[in-house]
Amino acid sequence: MYISFVEAMTNYYSLLGIPNFSAWSVVRKAYIAQIKKYHPDVNKSADAARMSSALNAAKEMLEIPGQKAAYDRKLKRRLENPTRAPRSAMRKQTQRAYEQKRAAKMAAEARRRENAKKQREVFLNAKKLKEYEESLRLFPLWLRYALCSLLGVFFLFLPLTSADKSIWLILLLFVLPFYYMAILLAVNQYFKKLYFENYKKGVNVDLNRATKRFINFFFYSGIALVVLIIILS
């Protein structure tokens, strides 16, 4: 893996003006000669301080034998492969490539799972739709509504069968929860109808809003019917 040489390595031998890998005795003589030229006490130019600092860094690096040997090995590798990236840069690039590949793999897996989930939902909806259509053939929707309505009317008119009119209101409050249960049965059928129409025909209907209107209509129409019969009687 090759990339542009981004981590520049200072060649202290070139800085001192001597051949690469020179012995410490040569390095020391070159350092003394150069520092006399660039020492801030002698040279007042703008680059003197920077050059003096670089010369001191070269001396500190090359005056210790073990440190000089390590530096020479590193410099040799750089000179033999001037366009080869340092190991740290190669590791970083390898890590980035691995992370990008891993992220792409995870994204592909997420898409696969999402597609599988959608396919399962389509399959389940199709299966439920088929079962619902078969149940409608056996038990039509209008008949379901009619039975729910009769059940609701039965609960509403049950208090009227009492001979004691004084407890009629108490009985009415008692049967109202049962009347509401009849409404919920009808609403459940209405909701299923809308849901499968949305799926089969692609009609975009607000199920919650439509169901709420149906509940209100069913509930208040039953109450109005009872009130009307009481008035007329």
C-alpha atoms as a PDB file:
ATOM      1  CA  MET A   1       0.000   0.000   0.000  1.00  0.00           C
ATOM      2  CA  TYR A   2       1.669   3.234  -1.153  1.00  0.00           C
ATOM      3  CA  ILE A   3       0.568   6.792  -0.574  1.00  0.00           C
ATOM      4  CA  SER A   4       2.215  10.197  -0.757  1.00  0.00           C
ATOM      5  CA  PHE A   5       5.004  10.809   1.781  1.00  0.00           C
ATOM      6  CA  VAL A   6       3.200  12.927   4.348  1.00  0.00           C
ATOM      7  CA  GLU A   7       5.318  12.527   7.457  1.00  0.00           C
ATOM      8  CA  ALA A   8       8.529  14.392   6.570  1.00  0.00           C
ATOM      9  CA  MET A   9      11.647  13.192   8.380  1.00  0.00           C
ATOM     10  CA  THR A  10      14.424  15.698   9.059  1.00  0.00           C
ATOM     11  CA  ASN A  11      17.784  14.559   7.686  1.00  0.00           C
ATOM     12  CA  TYR A  12      20.161  15.795  10.340  1.00  0.00           C
ATOM     13  CA  TYR A  13      23.208  14.805   8.279  1.00  0.00           C
ATOM     14  CA  SER A  14      22.093  17.052   5.418  1.00  0.00           C
ATOM     15  CA  LEU A  15      21.367  19.773   7.946  1.00  0.00           C
ATOM     16  CA  LEU A  16      24.975  19.512   9.228  1.00  0.00           C
ATOM     17  CA  GLY A  17      26.360  19.324   5.681  1.00  0.00           C
ATOM     18  CA  ILE A  18      27.944  15.873   6.020  1.00  0.00           C
ATOM     19  CA  PRO A  19      27.367  12.464   4.366  1.00  0.00           C
ATOM     20  CA  ASN A  20      24.549  10.292   5.627  1.00  0.00           C
ATOM     21  CA  PHE A  21      25.371   7.903   8.456  1.00  0.00           C
ATOM     22  CA  SER A  22      28.613   9.714   9.343  1.00  0.00           C
ATOM     23  CA  ALA A  23      30.379   8.776  12.559  1.00  0.00           C
ATOM     24  CA  TRP A  24      29.808  10.774  15.704  1.00  0.00           C
ATOM     25  CA  SER A  25      33.246  12.380  15.475  1.00  0.00           C
ATOM     26  CA  VAL A  26      32.336  13.816  12.054  1.00  0.00           C
ATOM     27  CA  VAL A  27      28.924  14.869  13.360  1.00  0.00           C
ATOM     28  CA  ARG A  28      30.508  16.658  16.336  1.00  0.00           C
ATOM     29  CA  LYS A  29      32.964  18.632  14.187  1.00  0.00           C
ATOM     30  CA  ALA A  30      30.200  19.641  11.769  1.00  0.00           C
ATOM     31  CA  TYR A  31      27.950  20.660  14.664  1.00  0.00           C
ATOM     32  CA  ILE A  32      30.661  22.894  16.205  1.00  0.00           C
ATOM     33  CA  ALA A  33      31.351  24.517  12.868  1.00  0.00           C
ATOM     34  CA  GLN A  34      27.674  25.175  12.127  1.00  0.00           C
ATOM     35  CA  ILE A  35      26.698  26.374  15.613  1.00  0.00           C
ATOM     36  CA  LYS A  36      29.443  28.995  15.475  1.00  0.00           C
ATOM     37  CA  LYS A  37      27.767  30.426  12.403  1.00  0.00           C
ATOM     38  CA  TYR A  38      24.160  30.373  13.663  1.00  0.00           C
ATOM     39  CA  HIS A  39      24.394  30.884  17.419  1.00  0.00           C
ATOM     40  CA  PRO A  40      22.058  33.798  18.343  1.00  0.00           C
ATOM     41  CA  ASP A  41      24.917  35.541  20.171  1.00  0.00           C
ATOM     42  CA  VAL A  42      26.890  35.654  16.936  1.00  0.00           C
ATOM     43  CA  ASN A  43      24.250  35.654  14.187  1.00  0.00           C
ATOM     44  CA  LYS A  44      21.447  38.221  14.505  1.00  0.00           C
ATOM     45  CA  SER A  45      19.523  37.099  11.390  1.00  0.00           C
ATOM     46  CA  ALA A  46      15.897  36.025  11.563  1.00  0.00           C
ATOM     47  CA  ASP A  47      16.722  32.370  10.771  1.00  0.00           C
ATOM     48  CA  ALA A  48      19.550  32.096  13.281  1.00  0.00           C
ATOM     49  CA  ALA A  49      17.369  31.004  16.202  1.00  0.00           C
ATOM     50  CA  ARG A  50      15.517  28.437  14.107  1.00  0.00           C
ATOM     51  CA  MET A  51      18.742  27.034  12.630  1.00  0.00           C
ATOM     52  CA  SER A  52      20.427  26.949  16.038  1.00  0.00           C
ATOM     53  CA  SER A  53      17.481  24.997  17.472  1.00  0.00           C
ATOM     54  CA  ALA A  54      17.609  22.514  14.581  1.00  0.00           C
ATOM     55  CA  LEU A  55      21.363  21.991  15.051  1.00  0.00           C
ATOM     56  CA  ASN A  56      20.886  21.317  18.759  1.00  0.00           C
ATOM     57  CA  ALA A  57      18.159  18.784  17.937  1.00  0.00           C
ATOM     58  CA  ALA A  58      20.559  17.046  15.517  1.00  0.00           C
ATOM     59  CA  LYS A  59      23.275  16.907  18.191  1.00  0.00           C
ATOM     60  CA  GLU A  60      20.871  15.488  20.802  1.00  0.00           C
ATOM     61  CA  MET A  61      19.651  12.845  18.368  1.00  0.00           C
ATOM     62  CA  LEU A  62      23.065  11.700  17.110  1.00  0.00           C
ATOM     63  CA  GLU A  63      25.291  11.996  20.190  1.00  0.00           C
ATOM     64  CA  ILE A  64      23.858   8.869  21.889  1.00  0.00           C
ATOM     65  CA  PRO A  65      25.010   5.681  20.085  1.00  0.00           C
ATOM     66  CA  GLY A  66      21.804   3.660  20.512  1.00  0.00           C
ATOM     67  CA  GLN A  67      19.614   6.581  19.527  1.00  0.00           C
ATOM     68  CA  LYS A  68      21.829   7.333  16.507  1.00  0.00           C
ATOM     69  CA  ALA A  69      21.640   3.690  15.373  1.00  0.00           C
ATOM     70  CA  ALA A  70      17.843   3.730  15.524  1.00  0.00           C
ATOM     71  CA  TYR A  71      17.738   7.031  13.647  1.00  0.00           C
ATOM     72  CA  ASP A  72      20.100   5.689  10.985  1.00  0.00           C
ATOM     73  CA  ARG A  73      17.917   2.622  10.436  1.00  0.00           C
ATOM     74  CA  LYS A  74      14.834   4.765  10.064  1.00  0.00           C
ATOM     75  CA  LEU A  75      16.591   7.167   7.716  1.00  0.00           C
ATOM     76  CA  LYS A  76      17.857   4.264   5.618  1.00  0.00           C
ATOM     77  CA  ARG A  77      14.316   2.910   5.203  1.00  0.00           C
ATOM     78  CA  ARG A  78      13.063   6.329   4.178  1.00  0.00           C
ATOM     79  CA  LEU A  79      15.850   6.807   1.652  1.00  0.00           C
ATOM     80  CA  GLU A  80      15.295   3.350   0.162  1.00  0.00           C
ATOM     81  CA  ASN A  81      11.513   3.930  -0.095  1.00  0.00           C
ATOM     82  CA  PRO A  82      11.053   7.689  -0.517  1.00  0.00           C
ATOM     83  CA  THR A  83       7.395   7.343  -1.600  1.00  0.00           C
ATOM     84  CA  ARG A  84       6.420   4.692   0.922  1.00  0.00           C
ATOM     85  CA  ALA A  85       4.205   5.881   3.708  1.00  0.00           C
ATOM     86  CA  PRO A  86       5.434   5.573   7.282  1.00  0.00           C
ATOM     87  CA  ARG A  87       4.097   2.598   9.188  1.00  0.00           C
ATOM     88  CA  SER A  88       1.858   4.759  11.355  1.00  0.00           C
ATOM     89  CA  ALA A  89       0.267   6.326   8.258  1.00  0.00           C
ATOM     90  CA  MET A  90      -0.158   2.886   6.696  1.00  0.00           C
ATOM     91  CA  ARG A  91      -1.808   1.609   9.857  1.00  0.00           C
ATOM     92  CA  LYS A  92      -4.159   4.585   9.894  1.00  0.00           C
ATOM     93  CA  GLN A  93      -5.095   4.086   6.253  1.00  0.00           C
ATOM     94  CA  THR A  94      -5.579   0.359   6.789  1.00  0.00           C
ATOM     95  CA  GLN A  95      -7.761   1.085   9.818  1.00  0.00           C
ATOM     96  CA  ARG A  96      -9.839   3.605   7.838  1.00  0.00           C
ATOM     97  CA  ALA A  97     -10.292   1.117   5.003  1.00  0.00           C
ATOM     98  CA  TYR A  98     -11.359  -1.557   7.496  1.00  0.00           C
ATOM     99  CA  GLU A  99     -13.811   0.791   9.216  1.00  0.00           C
ATOM    100  CA  GLN A 100     -15.290   1.889   5.876  1.00  0.00           C
ATOM    101  CA  LYS A 101     -15.663  -1.723   4.776  1.00  0.00           C
ATOM    102  CA  ARG A 102     -17.229  -2.644   8.114  1.00  0.00           C
ATOM    103  CA  ALA A 103     -19.628   0.332   7.955  1.00  0.00           C
ATOM    104  CA  ALA A 104     -20.645  -0.616   4.405  1.00  0.00           C
ATOM    105  CA  LYS A 105     -21.211  -4.222   5.511  1.00  0.00           C
ATOM    106  CA  MET A 106     -23.334  -3.095   8.465  1.00  0.00           C
ATOM    107  CA  ALA A 107     -25.368  -0.774   6.225  1.00  0.00           C
ATOM    108  CA  ALA A 108     -25.948  -3.605   3.746  1.00  0.00           C
ATOM    109  CA  GLU A 109     -27.023  -5.905   6.582  1.00  0.00           C
ATOM    110  CA  ALA A 110     -29.411  -3.248   7.907  1.00  0.00           C
ATOM    111  CA  ARG A 111     -30.941  -2.843   4.425  1.00  0.00           C
ATOM    112  CA  ARG A 112     -31.266  -6.618   4.104  1.00  0.00           C
ATOM    113  CA  ARG A 113     -33.065  -6.845   7.438  1.00  0.00           C
ATOM    114  CA  GLU A 114     -35.345  -3.931   6.568  1.00  0.00           C
ATOM    115  CA  ASN A 115     -36.249  -5.511   3.234  1.00  0.00           C
ATOM    116  CA  ALA A 116     -36.884  -8.854   4.943  1.00  0.00           C
ATOM    117  CA  LYS A 117     -39.100  -7.110   7.496  1.00  0.00           C
ATOM    118  CA  LYS A 118     -41.087  -5.384   4.748  1.00  0.00           C
ATOM    119  CA  GLN A 119     -41.481  -8.670   2.880  1.00  0.00           C
ATOM    120  CA  ARG A 120     -42.755 -10.362   6.054  1.00  0.00           C
ATOM    121  CA  GLU A 121     -45.219  -7.511   6.617  1.00  0.00           C
ATOM    122  CA  VAL A 122     -46.457  -7.750   3.037  1.00  0.00           C
ATOM    123  CA  PHE A 123     -46.840 -11.510   3.388  1.00  0.00           C
ATOM    124  CA  LEU A 124     -48.688 -11.235   6.715  1.00  0.00           C
ATOM    125  CA  ASN A 125     -50.963  -8.466   5.420  1.00  0.00           C
ATOM    126  CA  ALA A 126     -51.765 -10.486   2.318  1.00  0.00           C
ATOM    127  CA  LYS A 127     -52.504 -13.519   4.480  1.00  0.00           C
ATOM    128  CA  LYS A 128     -54.698 -11.506   6.865  1.00  0.00           C
ATOM    129  CA  LEU A 129     -56.496  -9.883   3.935  1.00  0.00           C
ATOM    130  CA  LYS A 130     -57.299 -13.276   2.450  1.00  0.00           C
ATOM    131  CA  GLU A 131     -58.583 -14.541   5.807  1.00  0.00           C
ATOM    132  CA  TYR A 132     -60.649 -11.372   6.291  1.00  0.00           C
ATOM    133  CA  GLU A 133     -62.222 -11.632   2.842  1.00  0.00           C
ATOM    134  CA  GLU A 134     -63.116 -15.264   3.496  1.00  0.00           C
ATOM    135  CA  SER A 135     -64.696 -14.320   6.842  1.00  0.00           C
ATOM    136  CA  LEU A 136     -66.753 -11.603   5.106  1.00  0.00           C
ATOM    137  CA  ARG A 137     -68.193 -14.188   2.753  1.00  0.00           C
ATOM    138  CA  LEU A 138     -69.342 -16.256   5.724  1.00  0.00           C
ATOM    139  CA  PHE A 139     -70.355 -13.333   7.921  1.00  0.00           C
ATOM    140  CA  PRO A 140     -71.017 -10.153   5.863  1.00  0.00           C
ATOM    141  CA  LEU A 141     -70.097  -6.758   7.242  1.00  0.00           C
ATOM    142  CA  TRP A 142     -73.655  -5.408   7.184  1.00  0.00           C
ATOM    143  CA  LEU A 143     -74.769  -8.339   9.337  1.00  0.00           C
ATOM    144  CA  ARG A 144     -72.011  -7.628  11.840  1.00  0.00           C
ATOM    145  CA  TYR A 145     -73.100  -3.992  12.080  1.00  0.00           C
ATOM    146  CA  ALA A 146     -76.728  -5.067  12.484  1.00  0.00           C
ATOM    147  CA  LEU A 147     -75.932  -7.454  15.348  1.00  0.00           C
ATOM    148  CA  CYS A 148     -73.831  -4.835  17.126  1.00  0.00           C
ATOM    149  CA  SER A 149     -76.647  -2.308  16.712  1.00  0.00           C
ATOM    150  CA  LEU A 150     -79.257  -4.721  18.061  1.00  0.00           C
ATOM    151  CA  LEU A 151     -77.034  -5.507  21.018  1.00  0.00           C
ATOM    152  CA  GLY A 152     -76.581  -1.806  21.754  1.00  0.00           C
ATOM    153  CA  VAL A 153     -80.298  -1.086  21.467  1.00  0.00           C
ATOM    154  CA  PHE A 154     -81.050  -4.035  23.758  1.00  0.00           C
ATOM    155  CA  PHE A 155     -78.822  -2.633  26.495  1.00  0.00           C
ATOM    156  CA  LEU A 156     -80.242   0.889  26.068  1.00  0.00           C
ATOM    157  CA  PHE A 157     -83.868  -0.245  26.253  1.00  0.00           C
ATOM    158  CA  LEU A 158     -83.338  -2.698  29.078  1.00  0.00           C
ATOM    159  CA  PRO A 159     -83.986  -0.049  31.789  1.00  0.00           C
ATOM    160  CA  LEU A 160     -87.325   0.817  30.132  1.00  0.00           C
ATOM    161  CA  THR A 161     -88.625  -2.635  30.968  1.00  0.00           C
ATOM    162  CA  SER A 162     -88.575  -1.758  34.647  1.00  0.00           C
ATOM    163  CA  ALA A 163     -91.964  -0.918  36.075  1.00  0.00           C
ATOM    164  CA  ASP A 164     -90.390   1.398  38.625  1.00  0.00           C
ATOM    165  CA  LYS A 165     -89.508   4.525  36.684  1.00  0.00           C
ATOM    166  CA  SER A 166     -87.682   5.987  39.690  1.00  0.00           C
ATOM    167  CA  ILE A 167     -84.765   3.656  39.242  1.00  0.00           C
ATOM    168  CA  TRP A 168     -84.718   3.966  35.455  1.00  0.00           C
ATOM    169  CA  LEU A 169     -81.781   6.399  35.478  1.00  0.00           C
ATOM    170  CA  ILE A 170     -79.778   4.122  37.785  1.00  0.00           C
ATOM    171  CA  LEU A 171     -80.398   1.171  35.499  1.00  0.00           C
ATOM    172  CA  LEU A 172     -79.447   3.262  32.481  1.00  0.00           C
ATOM    173  CA  LEU A 173     -76.097   4.180  34.062  1.00  0.00           C
ATOM    174  CA  PHE A 174     -75.572   0.504  34.833  1.00  0.00           C
ATOM    175  CA  VAL A 175     -76.095  -0.655  31.251  1.00  0.00           C
ATOM    176  CA  LEU A 176     -74.137   2.162  29.574  1.00  0.00           C
ATOM    177  CA  PRO A 177     -70.790   0.273  29.846  1.00  0.00           C
ATOM    178  CA  PHE A 178     -72.383  -2.717  28.107  1.00  0.00           C
ATOM    179  CA  TYR A 179     -73.737  -0.406  25.428  1.00  0.00           C
ATOM    180  CA  TYR A 180     -70.249   0.984  24.953  1.00  0.00           C
ATOM    181  CA  MET A 181     -68.910  -2.570  24.571  1.00  0.00           C
ATOM    182  CA  ALA A 182     -71.372  -3.106  21.727  1.00  0.00           C
ATOM    183  CA  ILE A 183     -70.040   0.099  20.141  1.00  0.00           C
ATOM    184  CA  LEU A 184     -66.464  -1.140  20.427  1.00  0.00           C
ATOM    185  CA  LEU A 185     -67.413  -4.374  18.668  1.00  0.00           C
ATOM    186  CA  ALA A 186     -68.831  -2.356  15.788  1.00  0.00           C
ATOM    187  CA  VAL A 187     -65.802  -0.043  15.770  1.00  0.00           C
ATOM    188  CA  ASN A 188     -63.470  -3.020  15.603  1.00  0.00           C
ATOM    189  CA  GLN A 189     -65.210  -4.214  12.439  1.00  0.00           C
ATOM    190  CA  TYR A 190     -65.157  -0.711  10.962  1.00  0.00           C
ATOM    191  CA  PHE A 191     -61.431  -0.346  11.692  1.00  0.00           C
ATOM    192  CA  LYS A 192     -60.638  -3.677  10.026  1.00  0.00           C
ATOM    193  CA  LYS A 193     -62.616  -2.622   6.976  1.00  0.00           C
ATOM    194  CA  LEU A 194     -60.686   0.660   6.637  1.00  0.00           C
ATOM    195  CA  TYR A 195     -57.325  -0.998   7.309  1.00  0.00           C
ATOM    196  CA  PHE A 196     -57.718  -3.614   4.603  1.00  0.00           C
ATOM    197  CA  GLU A 197     -59.120  -1.069   2.161  1.00  0.00           C
ATOM    198  CA  ASN A 198     -56.014   1.014   2.723  1.00  0.00           C
ATOM    199  CA  TYR A 199     -53.797  -2.006   2.078  1.00  0.00           C
ATOM    200  CA  LYS A 200     -55.693  -3.437  -0.876  1.00  0.00           C
ATOM    201  CA  LYS A 201     -56.687  -0.267  -2.725  1.00  0.00           C
ATOM    202  CA  GLY A 202     -53.855   1.963  -1.600  1.00  0.00           C
ATOM    203  CA  VAL A 203     -56.328   4.489  -0.180  1.00  0.00           C
ATOM    204  CA  ASN A 204     -54.751   6.843   2.338  1.00  0.00           C
ATOM    205  CA  VAL A 205     -57.333   7.192   5.119  1.00  0.00           C
ATOM    206  CA  ASP A 206     -56.676   8.556   8.616  1.00  0.00           C
ATOM    207  CA  LEU A 207     -57.757   5.487  10.582  1.00  0.00           C
ATOM    208  CA  ASN A 208     -57.796   7.178  13.977  1.00  0.00           C
ATOM    209  CA  ARG A 209     -59.907  10.108  12.812  1.00  0.00           C
ATOM    210  CA  ALA A 210     -62.349   7.929  10.889  1.00  0.00           C
ATOM    211  CA  THR A 211     -62.727   5.551  13.840  1.00  0.00           C
ATOM    212  CA  LYS A 212     -63.365   8.428  16.232  1.00  0.00           C
ATOM    213  CA  ARG A 213     -66.145   9.771  13.981  1.00  0.00           C
ATOM    214  CA  PHE A 214     -67.705   6.304  13.813  1.00  0.00           C
ATOM    215  CA  ILE A 215     -67.666   5.950  17.622  1.00  0.00           C
ATOM    216  CA  ASN A 216     -69.303   9.339  18.118  1.00  0.00           C
ATOM    217  CA  PHE A 217     -71.952   8.640  15.489  1.00  0.00           C
ATOM    218  CA  PHE A 218     -72.810   5.196  16.886  1.00  0.00           C
ATOM    219  CA  PHE A 219     -72.879   6.338  20.521  1.00  0.00           C
ATOM    220  CA  TYR A 220     -74.888   9.548  20.157  1.00  0.00           C
ATOM    221  CA  SER A 221     -77.323   8.132  17.616  1.00  0.00           C
ATOM    222  CA  GLY A 222     -78.249   5.377  20.102  1.00  0.00           C
ATOM    223  CA  ILE A 223     -78.704   7.895  22.915  1.00  0.00           C
ATOM    224  CA  ALA A 224     -80.788  10.123  20.629  1.00  0.00           C
ATOM    225  CA  LEU A 225     -82.965   7.162  19.676  1.00  0.00           C
ATOM    226  CA  VAL A 226     -83.686   6.336  23.318  1.00  0.00           C
ATOM    227  CA  VAL A 227     -84.455   9.987  24.143  1.00  0.00           C
ATOM    228  CA  LEU A 228     -86.799  10.227  21.169  1.00  0.00           C
ATOM    229  CA  ILE A 229     -88.707   7.099  22.198  1.00  0.00           C
ATOM    230  CA  ILE A 230     -89.029   8.403  25.761  1.00  0.00           C
ATOM    231  CA  ILE A 231     -90.415  11.716  24.507  1.00  0.00           C
ATOM    232  CA  LEU A 232     -92.861  10.048  22.188  1.00  0.00           C
ATOM    233  CA  SER A 233     -94.038   7.655  24.850  1.00  0.00           C
END
